[in-house]
N, C-alpha and C. Protein backbone atom coordinates (compact mmCIF):
# COMPACT_ATOMS: atom_id res chain seq x y z
N UNK A 1 54.90 127.37 90.84
CA UNK A 1 54.71 126.11 91.56
C UNK A 1 55.71 126.03 92.71
N UNK A 2 55.26 125.37 93.78
CA UNK A 2 56.18 125.23 94.92
C UNK A 2 57.03 123.98 94.75
N UNK A 3 57.95 123.78 95.68
CA UNK A 3 58.90 122.68 95.58
C UNK A 3 58.23 121.31 95.68
N UNK A 4 57.13 121.21 96.44
CA UNK A 4 56.44 119.92 96.59
C UNK A 4 55.87 119.43 95.28
N UNK A 5 55.25 120.36 94.51
CA UNK A 5 54.69 119.98 93.22
C UNK A 5 55.79 119.62 92.23
N UNK A 6 56.88 120.35 92.27
CA UNK A 6 58.00 120.05 91.36
C UNK A 6 58.59 118.69 91.65
N UNK A 7 58.72 118.36 92.94
CA UNK A 7 59.26 117.06 93.30
C UNK A 7 58.30 115.94 92.89
N UNK A 8 57.00 116.19 93.04
CA UNK A 8 56.01 115.19 92.64
C UNK A 8 56.03 114.98 91.14
N UNK A 9 56.11 116.05 90.37
CA UNK A 9 56.17 115.93 88.91
C UNK A 9 57.46 115.25 88.46
N UNK A 10 58.57 115.55 89.13
CA UNK A 10 59.84 114.90 88.80
C UNK A 10 59.76 113.41 89.09
N UNK A 11 59.18 113.05 90.22
CA UNK A 11 59.03 111.64 90.56
C UNK A 11 58.12 110.94 89.57
N UNK A 12 57.01 111.57 89.20
CA UNK A 12 56.09 110.98 88.23
C UNK A 12 56.75 110.81 86.88
N UNK A 13 57.49 111.83 86.44
CA UNK A 13 58.19 111.73 85.16
C UNK A 13 59.23 110.62 85.16
N UNK A 14 59.98 110.54 86.23
CA UNK A 14 61.01 109.49 86.33
C UNK A 14 60.39 108.11 86.42
N UNK A 15 59.29 107.99 87.16
CA UNK A 15 58.65 106.68 87.30
C UNK A 15 57.98 106.24 86.00
N UNK A 16 57.68 107.14 85.11
CA UNK A 16 57.17 106.77 83.80
C UNK A 16 58.31 106.53 82.80
N UNK A 17 59.36 107.32 82.92
CA UNK A 17 60.47 107.22 81.98
C UNK A 17 61.25 105.92 82.11
N UNK A 18 61.55 105.51 83.35
CA UNK A 18 62.40 104.34 83.56
C UNK A 18 61.81 103.07 82.99
N UNK A 19 60.57 102.68 83.31
CA UNK A 19 60.07 101.43 82.74
C UNK A 19 59.93 101.46 81.21
N UNK A 20 59.46 102.59 80.68
CA UNK A 20 59.31 102.67 79.23
C UNK A 20 60.66 102.63 78.53
N UNK A 21 61.66 103.27 79.10
CA UNK A 21 62.98 103.23 78.49
C UNK A 21 63.58 101.83 78.56
N UNK A 22 63.31 101.09 79.62
CA UNK A 22 63.82 99.72 79.72
C UNK A 22 63.16 98.81 78.69
N UNK A 23 61.85 98.95 78.51
CA UNK A 23 61.15 98.13 77.51
C UNK A 23 61.61 98.48 76.11
N UNK A 24 61.69 99.77 75.82
CA UNK A 24 62.14 100.19 74.49
C UNK A 24 63.60 99.80 74.24
N UNK A 25 64.43 99.92 75.26
CA UNK A 25 65.83 99.51 75.12
C UNK A 25 65.96 98.02 74.85
N UNK A 26 65.18 97.21 75.55
CA UNK A 26 65.23 95.76 75.31
C UNK A 26 64.73 95.42 73.92
N UNK A 27 63.70 96.13 73.47
CA UNK A 27 63.17 95.89 72.12
C UNK A 27 64.17 96.34 71.07
N UNK A 28 64.80 97.49 71.29
CA UNK A 28 65.77 98.04 70.35
C UNK A 28 67.02 97.15 70.26
N UNK A 29 67.46 96.64 71.39
CA UNK A 29 68.66 95.79 71.41
C UNK A 29 68.36 94.33 71.12
N UNK A 30 67.11 94.01 70.89
CA UNK A 30 66.66 92.63 70.59
C UNK A 30 67.11 91.65 71.66
N UNK A 31 66.82 91.97 72.90
CA UNK A 31 67.18 91.08 74.00
C UNK A 31 66.18 89.93 74.02
N UNK A 32 66.66 88.74 73.72
CA UNK A 32 65.82 87.55 73.69
C UNK A 32 66.66 86.35 74.11
N UNK A 33 65.96 85.27 74.47
CA UNK A 33 66.66 84.02 74.79
C UNK A 33 67.25 83.46 73.50
N UNK A 34 68.43 82.85 73.61
CA UNK A 34 69.08 82.30 72.42
C UNK A 34 68.37 81.07 71.88
N UNK A 35 67.90 80.20 72.77
CA UNK A 35 67.21 78.98 72.33
C UNK A 35 66.08 78.69 73.30
N UNK A 36 64.99 78.20 72.75
CA UNK A 36 63.85 77.84 73.59
C UNK A 36 64.04 76.41 74.09
N UNK A 37 63.69 76.18 75.32
CA UNK A 37 63.83 74.86 75.93
C UNK A 37 62.45 74.27 76.16
N UNK A 38 62.28 72.96 75.94
CA UNK A 38 60.98 72.36 76.25
C UNK A 38 60.65 72.45 77.74
N UNK A 39 61.66 72.60 78.56
CA UNK A 39 61.45 72.74 79.99
C UNK A 39 60.72 74.05 80.33
N UNK A 40 60.91 75.06 79.49
CA UNK A 40 60.23 76.33 79.72
C UNK A 40 58.73 76.24 79.50
N UNK A 41 58.29 75.27 78.73
CA UNK A 41 56.86 75.13 78.42
C UNK A 41 56.10 74.37 79.49
N UNK A 42 56.79 73.74 80.43
CA UNK A 42 56.14 72.96 81.47
C UNK A 42 55.67 73.86 82.60
N UNK A 43 54.56 73.54 83.23
CA UNK A 43 54.09 74.35 84.37
C UNK A 43 55.00 74.16 85.57
N UNK A 44 55.21 75.22 86.30
CA UNK A 44 56.05 75.18 87.49
C UNK A 44 55.17 75.12 88.72
N UNK A 45 55.33 74.07 89.49
CA UNK A 45 54.53 73.88 90.70
C UNK A 45 55.45 73.71 91.90
N UNK A 46 56.32 74.66 92.14
CA UNK A 46 57.24 74.63 93.28
C UNK A 46 58.13 73.39 93.24
N UNK A 47 58.52 72.97 92.06
CA UNK A 47 59.42 71.83 91.94
C UNK A 47 58.71 70.48 91.94
N UNK A 48 57.43 70.46 92.18
CA UNK A 48 56.68 69.21 92.21
C UNK A 48 56.06 68.95 90.84
N UNK A 49 56.02 67.68 90.47
CA UNK A 49 55.32 67.31 89.24
C UNK A 49 53.82 67.44 89.49
N UNK A 50 53.09 68.14 88.62
CA UNK A 50 51.66 68.30 88.85
C UNK A 50 50.91 66.98 88.62
N UNK A 51 49.93 66.73 89.48
CA UNK A 51 49.07 65.56 89.32
C UNK A 51 47.76 66.03 88.71
N UNK A 52 47.42 65.55 87.55
CA UNK A 52 46.19 65.97 86.89
C UNK A 52 46.38 67.27 86.14
N UNK A 53 45.27 67.87 85.72
CA UNK A 53 45.39 69.11 84.94
C UNK A 53 45.85 70.27 85.83
N UNK A 54 46.60 71.17 85.23
CA UNK A 54 47.10 72.31 86.00
C UNK A 54 46.10 73.46 86.04
N UNK A 55 45.14 73.48 85.14
CA UNK A 55 44.11 74.52 85.14
C UNK A 55 42.85 73.93 85.73
N UNK A 56 42.58 74.29 86.99
CA UNK A 56 41.38 73.79 87.66
C UNK A 56 40.59 74.98 88.19
N UNK A 57 39.31 74.76 88.42
CA UNK A 57 38.48 75.81 88.99
C UNK A 57 38.51 75.72 90.51
N UNK A 58 38.65 76.85 91.15
CA UNK A 58 38.63 76.90 92.60
C UNK A 58 37.24 77.28 93.07
N UNK A 59 36.92 76.88 94.26
CA UNK A 59 35.64 77.23 94.86
C UNK A 59 35.61 78.75 95.09
N UNK A 60 34.47 79.40 94.86
CA UNK A 60 34.40 80.86 95.06
C UNK A 60 34.73 81.30 96.47
N UNK A 61 34.64 80.40 97.44
CA UNK A 61 34.96 80.76 98.83
C UNK A 61 36.40 81.26 98.95
N UNK A 62 37.32 80.69 98.15
CA UNK A 62 38.71 81.16 98.18
C UNK A 62 38.80 82.63 97.78
N UNK A 63 38.04 83.00 96.76
CA UNK A 63 38.07 84.39 96.29
C UNK A 63 37.44 85.32 97.31
N UNK A 64 36.40 84.87 97.99
CA UNK A 64 35.76 85.70 99.01
C UNK A 64 36.74 85.98 100.15
N UNK A 65 37.44 84.94 100.60
CA UNK A 65 38.43 85.12 101.66
C UNK A 65 39.55 86.05 101.19
N UNK A 66 39.98 85.89 99.94
CA UNK A 66 41.03 86.76 99.41
C UNK A 66 40.55 88.21 99.35
N UNK A 67 39.29 88.42 98.95
CA UNK A 67 38.76 89.79 98.91
C UNK A 67 38.67 90.39 100.31
N UNK A 68 38.25 89.58 101.30
CA UNK A 68 38.22 90.08 102.67
C UNK A 68 39.62 90.46 103.14
N UNK A 69 40.60 89.63 102.81
CA UNK A 69 41.98 89.93 103.20
C UNK A 69 42.44 91.26 102.60
N UNK A 70 42.21 91.42 101.29
CA UNK A 70 42.64 92.65 100.63
C UNK A 70 41.90 93.86 101.21
N UNK A 71 40.61 93.70 101.45
CA UNK A 71 39.81 94.80 101.99
C UNK A 71 40.32 95.24 103.36
N UNK A 72 40.50 94.29 104.28
CA UNK A 72 40.94 94.65 105.62
C UNK A 72 42.41 95.08 105.62
N UNK A 73 43.21 94.52 104.74
CA UNK A 73 44.60 94.92 104.65
C UNK A 73 44.71 96.36 104.14
N UNK A 74 43.90 96.71 103.15
CA UNK A 74 43.90 98.06 102.63
C UNK A 74 43.41 99.05 103.67
N UNK A 75 42.39 98.67 104.42
CA UNK A 75 41.89 99.57 105.45
C UNK A 75 42.90 99.74 106.58
N UNK A 76 43.65 98.69 106.87
CA UNK A 76 44.72 98.83 107.86
C UNK A 76 45.82 99.76 107.33
N UNK A 77 46.06 99.73 106.02
CA UNK A 77 47.05 100.63 105.43
C UNK A 77 46.60 102.09 105.54
N UNK A 78 45.28 102.33 105.54
CA UNK A 78 44.80 103.70 105.72
C UNK A 78 45.07 104.19 107.14
N UNK A 79 45.18 103.28 108.09
CA UNK A 79 45.44 103.68 109.46
C UNK A 79 46.92 104.00 109.71
N UNK A 80 47.80 103.51 108.88
CA UNK A 80 49.23 103.69 109.11
C UNK A 80 49.65 105.16 109.11
N UNK A 81 49.28 105.96 108.13
CA UNK A 81 49.69 107.38 108.19
C UNK A 81 49.09 108.10 109.41
N UNK A 82 47.88 107.73 109.75
CA UNK A 82 47.26 108.34 110.92
C UNK A 82 48.06 107.97 112.18
N UNK A 83 48.45 106.70 112.29
CA UNK A 83 49.18 106.25 113.48
C UNK A 83 50.55 106.94 113.59
N UNK A 84 51.14 107.26 112.47
CA UNK A 84 52.44 107.93 112.49
C UNK A 84 52.34 109.34 113.05
N UNK A 85 51.19 109.98 112.89
CA UNK A 85 51.01 111.35 113.36
C UNK A 85 49.99 111.46 114.48
N UNK A 86 49.64 110.36 115.13
CA UNK A 86 48.56 110.35 116.12
C UNK A 86 48.81 111.33 117.27
N UNK A 87 50.04 111.49 117.69
CA UNK A 87 50.33 112.39 118.80
C UNK A 87 50.11 113.85 118.48
N UNK A 88 50.19 114.21 117.21
CA UNK A 88 50.07 115.61 116.81
C UNK A 88 48.68 115.99 116.33
N UNK A 89 47.79 115.03 116.16
CA UNK A 89 46.51 115.31 115.52
C UNK A 89 45.42 115.75 116.47
N UNK A 90 45.45 115.32 117.70
CA UNK A 90 44.47 115.79 118.67
C UNK A 90 43.30 114.84 118.86
N UNK A 91 42.33 115.30 119.66
CA UNK A 91 41.21 114.46 120.06
C UNK A 91 40.22 114.19 118.93
N UNK A 92 40.04 115.14 118.05
CA UNK A 92 39.09 114.95 116.94
C UNK A 92 39.60 113.84 116.01
N UNK A 93 40.88 113.85 115.72
CA UNK A 93 41.45 112.81 114.87
C UNK A 93 41.37 111.45 115.56
N UNK A 94 41.55 111.41 116.87
CA UNK A 94 41.44 110.16 117.60
C UNK A 94 40.01 109.63 117.53
N UNK A 95 39.03 110.51 117.67
CA UNK A 95 37.63 110.09 117.57
C UNK A 95 37.30 109.59 116.17
N UNK A 96 37.81 110.25 115.14
CA UNK A 96 37.58 109.80 113.77
C UNK A 96 38.21 108.44 113.52
N UNK A 97 39.42 108.24 114.03
CA UNK A 97 40.08 106.95 113.86
C UNK A 97 39.34 105.84 114.59
N UNK A 98 38.85 106.14 115.79
CA UNK A 98 38.07 105.14 116.52
C UNK A 98 36.76 104.82 115.81
N UNK A 99 36.14 105.83 115.21
CA UNK A 99 34.93 105.60 114.42
C UNK A 99 35.24 104.72 113.20
N UNK A 100 36.35 104.99 112.55
CA UNK A 100 36.78 104.18 111.40
C UNK A 100 37.00 102.73 111.80
N UNK A 101 37.69 102.51 112.91
CA UNK A 101 37.93 101.14 113.39
C UNK A 101 36.62 100.49 113.82
N UNK A 102 35.70 101.25 114.41
CA UNK A 102 34.40 100.70 114.79
C UNK A 102 33.62 100.25 113.57
N UNK A 103 33.66 101.03 112.50
CA UNK A 103 32.98 100.64 111.26
C UNK A 103 33.62 99.38 110.69
N UNK A 104 34.95 99.29 110.74
CA UNK A 104 35.63 98.07 110.30
C UNK A 104 35.19 96.88 111.14
N UNK A 105 35.11 97.06 112.43
CA UNK A 105 34.71 95.99 113.33
C UNK A 105 33.28 95.55 113.06
N UNK A 106 32.39 96.51 112.79
CA UNK A 106 31.01 96.15 112.45
C UNK A 106 30.95 95.34 111.15
N UNK A 107 31.74 95.72 110.16
CA UNK A 107 31.79 94.95 108.91
C UNK A 107 32.32 93.56 109.14
N UNK A 108 33.36 93.45 109.97
CA UNK A 108 33.93 92.13 110.26
C UNK A 108 32.92 91.26 111.02
N UNK A 109 32.22 91.85 112.00
CA UNK A 109 31.21 91.09 112.74
C UNK A 109 30.05 90.66 111.85
N UNK A 110 29.64 91.52 110.91
CA UNK A 110 28.59 91.17 109.97
C UNK A 110 29.02 89.97 109.11
N UNK A 111 30.25 90.03 108.59
CA UNK A 111 30.74 88.92 107.77
C UNK A 111 30.87 87.65 108.60
N UNK A 112 31.27 87.79 109.86
CA UNK A 112 31.38 86.64 110.74
C UNK A 112 30.01 86.03 111.02
N UNK A 113 29.01 86.88 111.24
CA UNK A 113 27.65 86.40 111.51
C UNK A 113 27.05 85.71 110.28
N UNK A 114 27.35 86.21 109.09
CA UNK A 114 26.84 85.61 107.86
C UNK A 114 27.57 84.33 107.49
N UNK A 115 28.66 84.01 108.20
CA UNK A 115 29.40 82.78 107.92
C UNK A 115 30.35 82.90 106.76
N UNK A 116 30.78 84.11 106.43
CA UNK A 116 31.65 84.32 105.29
C UNK A 116 33.05 83.74 105.52
N UNK A 117 33.44 83.55 106.77
CA UNK A 117 34.77 83.04 107.06
C UNK A 117 34.78 81.54 107.31
N UNK A 118 33.66 80.87 107.22
CA UNK A 118 33.59 79.43 107.51
C UNK A 118 33.81 78.64 106.23
N UNK A 119 34.61 77.58 106.34
CA UNK A 119 34.83 76.68 105.22
C UNK A 119 33.74 75.63 105.22
N UNK A 120 33.21 75.35 104.04
CA UNK A 120 32.15 74.34 103.95
C UNK A 120 32.62 73.15 103.17
């Protein structure tokens, strides 16, 4: 194996070992709160007292907007590594990136035309 694979395996092993060892260590040492407080059972609303029930249903439009945000944010994250190496990749990579952005733009225009971003 080359050094890249060894470093990846070491990182993977360490990233699995640390959280599991912390959980097992806390369980083994019985790390717990000394006393439970009734204040811990109350819902936290940024310091404000909640008016009405704290468990309410939200309109699905909120979830649609959140999904669009995650979708476009993730696609923008795919462009970041490309942008870091754009000068070294050449014309073919530039054309592929422009095609990717054009497809994103078409999806955004389609959602805009369907009224997915409008509040009702």
